N, C-alpha and C. Protein backbone atom coordinates (compact mmCIF):
# COMPACT_ATOMS: atom_id res chain seq x y z
N MET A 1 20.81 17.58 -31.21
CA MET A 1 19.94 17.13 -30.15
C MET A 1 18.82 18.49 -30.06
N GLU A 2 17.57 18.04 -29.84
CA GLU A 2 17.08 19.22 -28.37
C GLU A 2 16.88 18.25 -27.02
N LYS A 3 16.77 19.64 -26.48
CA LYS A 3 16.80 19.25 -24.88
C LYS A 3 15.65 18.98 -24.35
N LEU A 4 14.79 18.02 -23.85
CA LEU A 4 13.59 18.12 -23.54
C LEU A 4 13.19 18.57 -21.67
N LYS A 5 11.96 19.41 -22.08
CA LYS A 5 11.73 20.04 -20.87
C LYS A 5 10.99 18.90 -20.33
N PRO A 6 11.58 19.05 -18.93
CA PRO A 6 10.26 18.20 -18.34
C PRO A 6 9.43 18.26 -17.79
N LYS A 7 8.00 17.54 -17.61
CA LYS A 7 6.82 17.15 -17.64
C LYS A 7 6.77 18.32 -16.78
N PRO A 8 5.49 19.08 -16.66
CA PRO A 8 4.38 19.72 -14.56
C PRO A 8 4.33 18.53 -14.27
N TYR A 9 4.58 18.95 -12.70
CA TYR A 9 3.38 18.71 -12.00
C TYR A 9 4.92 16.29 -11.45
N GLN A 10 5.79 16.63 -11.61
CA GLN A 10 6.74 15.18 -11.53
C GLN A 10 6.63 15.07 -10.13
N MET A 11 6.90 16.01 -8.76
CA MET A 11 6.33 16.02 -7.75
C MET A 11 5.56 15.08 -7.03
N TRP A 12 5.06 15.11 -7.45
CA TRP A 12 3.05 14.75 -7.65
C TRP A 12 3.09 13.47 -8.01
N ALA A 13 4.03 13.41 -9.93
CA ALA A 13 3.28 11.96 -10.44
C ALA A 13 4.54 10.80 -9.38
N TRP A 14 5.47 11.48 -8.83
CA TRP A 14 6.76 10.36 -8.14
C TRP A 14 5.83 10.21 -6.81
N ALA A 15 5.36 11.41 -6.32
CA ALA A 15 5.13 11.15 -4.78
C ALA A 15 3.58 9.74 -5.20
N SER A 16 2.81 9.81 -6.60
CA SER A 16 1.80 8.82 -6.31
C SER A 16 2.22 7.71 -6.92
N THR A 17 3.19 7.14 -7.87
CA THR A 17 4.37 6.12 -7.72
C THR A 17 4.33 5.35 -6.62
N SER A 18 5.10 6.41 -5.66
CA SER A 18 5.49 6.25 -4.18
C SER A 18 4.00 5.58 -3.46
N MET A 19 3.33 5.78 -3.58
CA MET A 19 2.31 5.26 -2.69
C MET A 19 2.13 3.76 -3.41
N ILE A 20 1.94 3.73 -4.85
CA ILE A 20 1.36 2.54 -5.04
C ILE A 20 2.98 1.47 -5.26
N MET A 21 3.77 1.73 -5.29
CA MET A 21 4.45 1.18 -4.91
C MET A 21 4.74 0.45 -3.55
N THR A 22 4.45 1.32 -2.42
CA THR A 22 4.30 1.12 -1.03
C THR A 22 2.82 -0.34 -0.79
N GLY A 23 1.40 -0.05 -1.56
CA GLY A 23 1.06 -0.61 -1.31
C GLY A 23 1.31 -1.74 -2.25
N ALA A 24 2.22 -1.33 -3.60
CA ALA A 24 2.38 -3.33 -3.79
C ALA A 24 3.19 -3.43 -3.35
N ILE A 25 4.10 -3.28 -2.36
CA ILE A 25 5.00 -4.58 -0.75
C ILE A 25 3.88 -5.03 -0.02
N MET A 26 2.79 -3.50 0.42
CA MET A 26 1.79 -4.27 1.41
C MET A 26 1.58 -5.51 1.09
N ALA A 27 0.93 -5.18 0.03
CA ALA A 27 0.10 -6.42 -0.91
C ALA A 27 1.06 -7.47 -0.48
N ALA A 28 2.93 -7.83 -0.48
CA ALA A 28 3.08 -8.56 -0.66
C ALA A 28 3.56 -8.74 0.44
N PHE A 29 3.27 -8.76 1.89
CA PHE A 29 3.71 -8.56 2.60
C PHE A 29 2.13 -8.99 3.79
N GLY A 30 1.23 -9.24 2.86
CA GLY A 30 -0.71 -9.14 3.44
C GLY A 30 -0.91 -8.52 4.26
N PHE A 31 -0.64 -6.94 4.14
CA PHE A 31 -1.42 -6.53 4.98
C PHE A 31 -2.47 -5.58 4.54
N TYR A 32 -3.32 -6.44 4.07
CA TYR A 32 -4.71 -6.55 4.02
C TYR A 32 -6.22 -6.04 5.08
N PRO A 33 -6.80 -4.56 4.42
CA PRO A 33 -6.86 -3.86 3.13
C PRO A 33 -6.37 -3.08 3.43
N TYR A 34 -4.91 -2.67 4.04
CA TYR A 34 -4.66 -1.58 4.18
C TYR A 34 -3.73 -1.13 2.69
N TYR A 35 -3.27 -2.05 1.90
CA TYR A 35 -2.97 -1.74 1.24
C TYR A 35 -3.63 -1.23 -0.21
N ILE A 36 -4.93 -1.72 0.14
CA ILE A 36 -5.65 -1.24 -0.76
C ILE A 36 -6.40 0.16 -1.56
N TYR A 37 -5.75 1.09 0.28
CA TYR A 37 -5.91 2.62 0.83
C TYR A 37 -4.92 3.13 -0.83
N PHE A 38 -3.25 2.67 -0.29
CA PHE A 38 -2.59 2.52 -0.83
C PHE A 38 -2.20 3.28 -2.30
N PHE A 39 -2.80 1.82 -2.84
CA PHE A 39 -3.07 1.36 -4.52
C PHE A 39 -4.20 2.50 -5.09
N PHE A 40 -5.14 2.44 -4.23
CA PHE A 40 -6.45 3.57 -4.43
C PHE A 40 -6.11 4.55 -4.88
N LEU A 41 -5.64 5.17 -3.77
CA LEU A 41 -5.33 6.53 -3.92
C LEU A 41 -3.88 7.21 -4.98
N GLY A 42 -3.39 6.09 -4.27
CA GLY A 42 -1.93 6.46 -5.68
C GLY A 42 -2.30 6.73 -6.78
N ASN A 43 -3.19 5.31 -7.59
CA ASN A 43 -3.97 5.15 -8.56
C ASN A 43 -4.69 6.20 -9.06
N THR A 44 -5.64 6.86 -8.28
CA THR A 44 -6.42 8.40 -8.21
C THR A 44 -5.49 9.35 -8.54
N SER A 45 -4.80 9.91 -7.71
CA SER A 45 -3.68 10.75 -7.87
C SER A 45 -2.98 11.04 -9.94
N LEU A 46 -2.75 9.65 -9.75
CA LEU A 46 -2.04 9.35 -11.09
C LEU A 46 -3.00 9.71 -12.05
N ALA A 47 -4.16 9.01 -12.34
CA ALA A 47 -4.99 10.19 -12.54
C ALA A 47 -5.32 11.41 -13.38
N LEU A 48 -5.16 11.35 -11.88
CA LEU A 48 -5.35 13.26 -12.33
C LEU A 48 -3.83 14.28 -13.27
N VAL A 49 -2.87 13.42 -12.21
CA VAL A 49 -1.75 14.25 -13.04
C VAL A 49 -1.84 13.53 -15.05
N SER A 50 -2.05 12.51 -14.26
CA SER A 50 -2.14 12.37 -16.41
C SER A 50 -3.34 13.14 -17.03
N TRP A 51 -4.01 13.19 -16.12
CA TRP A 51 -5.34 14.64 -16.98
C TRP A 51 -5.11 16.11 -16.79
N LYS A 52 -3.76 16.13 -16.35
CA LYS A 52 -3.04 17.34 -16.32
C LYS A 52 -2.24 17.24 -17.37
N TRP A 53 -1.86 16.02 -17.77
CA TRP A 53 -0.42 16.13 -18.80
C TRP A 53 -1.06 15.87 -19.72
N ASN A 54 -2.79 15.67 -20.11
CA ASN A 54 -3.68 15.71 -20.58
C ASN A 54 -3.20 13.70 -22.04
N GLU A 55 -2.69 12.56 -21.11
CA GLU A 55 -1.84 11.88 -21.08
C GLU A 55 -3.20 10.69 -21.66
N LYS A 56 -4.61 10.58 -22.82
CA LYS A 56 -5.97 9.73 -22.30
C LYS A 56 -5.65 8.32 -22.13
N SER A 57 -4.59 7.92 -22.45
CA SER A 57 -4.06 5.94 -22.23
C SER A 57 -4.13 6.05 -20.51
N LEU A 58 -2.80 7.01 -19.83
CA LEU A 58 -2.81 6.23 -18.19
C LEU A 58 -3.86 7.34 -17.81
N ILE A 59 -4.83 8.33 -18.19
CA ILE A 59 -6.11 8.47 -17.57
C ILE A 59 -7.25 7.50 -17.54
N PHE A 60 -7.11 6.82 -18.25
CA PHE A 60 -7.42 5.87 -18.91
C PHE A 60 -6.88 4.42 -17.69
N LEU A 61 -5.92 3.85 -17.89
CA LEU A 61 -5.78 3.49 -17.24
C LEU A 61 -5.70 3.32 -15.54
N ASN A 62 -5.08 4.13 -15.05
CA ASN A 62 -5.28 4.59 -13.89
C ASN A 62 -6.65 5.10 -12.96
N GLY A 63 -7.54 5.46 -13.90
CA GLY A 63 -8.55 5.35 -13.28
C GLY A 63 -9.49 4.43 -13.10
N GLY A 64 -8.57 3.62 -14.19
CA GLY A 64 -9.84 2.50 -14.49
C GLY A 64 -9.50 1.21 -13.19
N ILE A 65 -7.52 1.54 -12.40
CA ILE A 65 -7.61 0.80 -11.56
C ILE A 65 -8.35 0.75 -10.63
N ALA A 66 -8.29 2.65 -10.04
CA ALA A 66 -9.00 3.27 -8.81
C ALA A 66 -10.19 2.99 -8.86
N ILE A 67 -11.10 3.02 -9.52
CA ILE A 67 -12.23 2.84 -9.35
C ILE A 67 -11.79 1.02 -9.48
N ILE A 68 -11.70 0.44 -9.85
CA ILE A 68 -11.22 -0.56 -9.31
C ILE A 68 -11.19 -1.14 -8.21
N TYR A 69 -9.48 -0.74 -7.42
CA TYR A 69 -10.32 -0.76 -6.39
C TYR A 69 -10.73 0.13 -5.10
N LEU A 70 -12.00 1.44 -5.44
CA LEU A 70 -12.80 1.66 -4.43
C LEU A 70 -14.29 0.53 -4.83
N ILE A 71 -14.39 -0.33 -5.46
CA ILE A 71 -14.99 -1.72 -5.66
C ILE A 71 -14.34 -2.34 -4.36
N GLY A 72 -13.54 -2.37 -4.58
CA GLY A 72 -13.20 -3.72 -3.95
C GLY A 72 -13.42 -3.13 -1.79
N MET A 73 -13.02 -1.69 -1.68
CA MET A 73 -13.26 -0.91 -0.89
C MET A 73 -14.16 -1.12 -0.39
N ILE A 74 -15.63 -0.42 -0.80
CA ILE A 74 -17.02 -0.87 -1.18
C ILE A 74 -17.38 -1.94 -0.50
N ASN A 75 -16.94 -3.38 -1.59
CA ASN A 75 -17.00 -4.60 -1.02
C ASN A 75 -16.79 -5.15 0.58
N TYR A 76 -15.33 -4.90 0.99
CA TYR A 76 -14.93 -5.14 2.13
C TYR A 76 -15.67 -4.55 2.85
N HIS A 77 -15.88 -3.39 3.44
CA HIS A 77 -17.03 -2.36 4.05
C HIS A 77 -18.75 -3.02 4.44
N LEU A 78 -18.59 -3.39 3.15
CA LEU A 78 -20.24 -3.81 3.52
C LEU A 78 -20.12 -5.00 3.35
N GLY A 79 -18.95 -6.07 3.86
CA GLY A 79 -19.10 -7.35 3.63
C GLY A 79 -18.86 -7.90 2.89
């Protein structure tokens, strides 16, 4: 059995995942609008890692979610 090489940027990916999990915990406890920023940063960061990994489905998923949260932040700040 061939040993798999770990993908590069693992620490970056884990930090991004931690930001997303922190955002989910904050959302569960009602810390609106602060959780939006954690989700946005985590998903944007994970989209960048996915781009480095050339994982098109993850780029689409995390980039799309980041855009959704960006629209939410704009709507929040513009009233």
